[in-house]
């Protein structure tokens, strides 16, 4: 399984390198459309290779997806934390009740019952 993972990562790296070499032509990224930029007087643009635009778009999409999923699962995480807290409280109460039950019994019998 380890070799399969390495083979996949190497093939993915080769594909990404081939895409990067094939798309190294410059592309201009503008913050605003040309008409709006001329109206405002701010023409913010940058020239980068096309593959960089492609890869940054993929990274941005993955990050947005991770954040979206993390926010979506917030309710589940908070519910799990509350259930864990309630479980720990119930376990403490059970242990306390067992100690009260076996307070007047022999210590050996209490230990045997606690193990089982």
Protein backbone atom coordinates (compact mmCIF):
# COMPACT_ATOMS: atom_id res chain seq x y z
CA UNK A 1 0.00 0.00 0.00
CA UNK A 2 2.91 2.30 0.78
CA UNK A 3 4.35 1.80 -2.71
CA UNK A 4 1.00 2.50 -4.30
CA UNK A 5 0.85 5.82 -2.47
CA UNK A 6 4.36 6.75 -3.61
CA UNK A 7 3.54 5.78 -7.19
CA UNK A 8 0.43 7.95 -7.11
CA UNK A 9 2.31 10.94 -5.66
CA UNK A 10 5.12 10.62 -8.20
CA UNK A 11 2.67 10.39 -11.10
CA UNK A 12 0.73 13.39 -9.75
CA UNK A 13 3.96 15.39 -9.46
CA UNK A 14 4.89 14.50 -13.04
CA UNK A 15 1.49 15.57 -14.34
CA UNK A 16 1.71 18.88 -12.45
CA UNK A 17 5.21 19.53 -13.78
CA UNK A 18 4.09 18.79 -17.35
CA UNK A 19 1.10 21.14 -16.96
CA UNK A 20 3.36 23.84 -15.53
CA UNK A 21 5.89 23.56 -18.38
CA UNK A 22 3.15 23.53 -21.02
CA UNK A 23 1.45 26.65 -19.58
CA UNK A 24 4.30 29.00 -18.75
CA UNK A 25 3.03 31.84 -20.95
CA UNK A 26 2.35 35.07 -19.04
CA UNK A 27 -1.20 36.05 -18.16
CA UNK A 28 -2.38 39.34 -16.75
CA UNK A 29 -4.63 39.22 -13.70
CA UNK A 30 -6.59 42.42 -13.09
CA UNK A 31 -8.39 43.27 -9.88
CA UNK A 32 -11.09 45.29 -11.67
CA UNK A 33 -12.51 45.29 -15.20
CA UNK A 34 -10.69 47.82 -17.44
CA UNK A 35 -13.63 50.26 -17.70
CA UNK A 36 -14.19 50.32 -13.94
CA UNK A 37 -10.45 50.62 -13.28
CA UNK A 38 -10.22 53.65 -15.58
CA UNK A 39 -13.27 55.22 -13.91
CA UNK A 40 -11.86 54.80 -10.41
CA UNK A 41 -8.30 55.49 -11.44
CA UNK A 42 -6.83 52.36 -9.90
CA UNK A 43 -5.62 49.75 -12.34
CA UNK A 44 -4.29 46.96 -10.16
CA UNK A 45 -2.98 44.09 -12.23
CA UNK A 46 -0.19 41.55 -12.09
CA UNK A 47 1.41 39.38 -14.75
CA UNK A 48 1.99 35.75 -13.76
CA UNK A 49 2.38 32.44 -15.61
CA UNK A 50 -0.85 30.66 -16.51
CA UNK A 51 0.05 27.55 -14.50
CA UNK A 52 0.39 29.69 -11.37
CA UNK A 53 -3.14 31.00 -11.88
CA UNK A 54 -4.34 27.42 -12.32
CA UNK A 55 -2.57 26.07 -9.24
CA UNK A 56 -3.54 29.02 -7.04
CA UNK A 57 -7.15 28.58 -8.13
CA UNK A 58 -7.06 24.92 -7.08
CA UNK A 59 -5.47 25.78 -3.73
CA UNK A 60 -8.00 28.54 -3.10
CA UNK A 61 -10.88 26.20 -3.93
CA UNK A 62 -9.60 23.50 -1.60
CA UNK A 63 -9.15 26.01 1.25
CA UNK A 64 -12.66 27.39 0.76
CA UNK A 65 -14.00 23.83 0.78
CA UNK A 66 -12.16 22.98 4.00
CA UNK A 67 -13.42 26.11 5.74
CA UNK A 68 -16.97 25.55 4.48
CA UNK A 69 -16.96 21.95 5.73
CA UNK A 70 -15.47 22.95 9.10
CA UNK A 71 -18.21 25.54 9.58
CA UNK A 72 -20.89 23.07 8.47
CA UNK A 73 -19.74 20.46 11.00
CA UNK A 74 -19.65 22.91 13.91
CA UNK A 75 -23.04 21.73 15.19
CA UNK A 76 -21.90 18.09 15.12
CA UNK A 77 -18.67 18.86 16.97
CA UNK A 78 -20.45 20.85 19.68
CA UNK A 79 -23.05 18.10 20.10
CA UNK A 80 -20.30 15.48 20.40
CA UNK A 81 -18.53 17.57 23.03
CA UNK A 82 -21.75 17.94 25.02
CA UNK A 83 -22.42 14.20 24.79
CA UNK A 84 -18.88 13.46 25.96
CA UNK A 85 -19.33 15.79 28.91
CA UNK A 86 -22.62 14.11 29.84
CA UNK A 87 -21.01 10.68 29.52
CA UNK A 88 -18.14 11.62 31.84
CA UNK A 89 -20.63 13.00 34.38
CA UNK A 90 -22.72 9.80 34.23
CA UNK A 91 -19.59 7.69 34.73
CA UNK A 92 -18.64 9.74 37.80
CA UNK A 93 -22.15 9.31 39.22
CA UNK A 94 -22.06 5.56 38.57
CA UNK A 95 -18.70 5.24 40.30
CA UNK A 96 -20.03 7.25 43.27
CA UNK A 97 -23.13 5.06 43.51
CA UNK A 98 -21.04 1.89 43.37
CA UNK A 99 -18.82 3.22 46.16
CA UNK A 100 -21.88 3.98 48.28
CA UNK A 101 -23.32 0.51 47.60
CA UNK A 102 -20.14 -1.26 48.62
CA UNK A 103 -19.28 0.96 51.56
CA UNK A 104 -20.62 -1.58 54.05
CA UNK A 105 -19.41 -4.68 52.15
CA UNK A 106 -16.09 -6.41 52.20
CA UNK A 107 -13.33 -4.70 50.19
CA UNK A 108 -12.50 -7.91 48.31
CA UNK A 109 -16.08 -8.31 47.07
CA UNK A 110 -16.17 -4.67 45.99
CA UNK A 111 -12.96 -5.09 44.00
CA UNK A 112 -14.23 -8.24 42.30
CA UNK A 113 -17.51 -6.54 41.36
CA UNK A 114 -15.66 -3.44 40.12
CA UNK A 115 -13.51 -5.53 37.77
CA UNK A 116 -16.50 -7.34 36.29
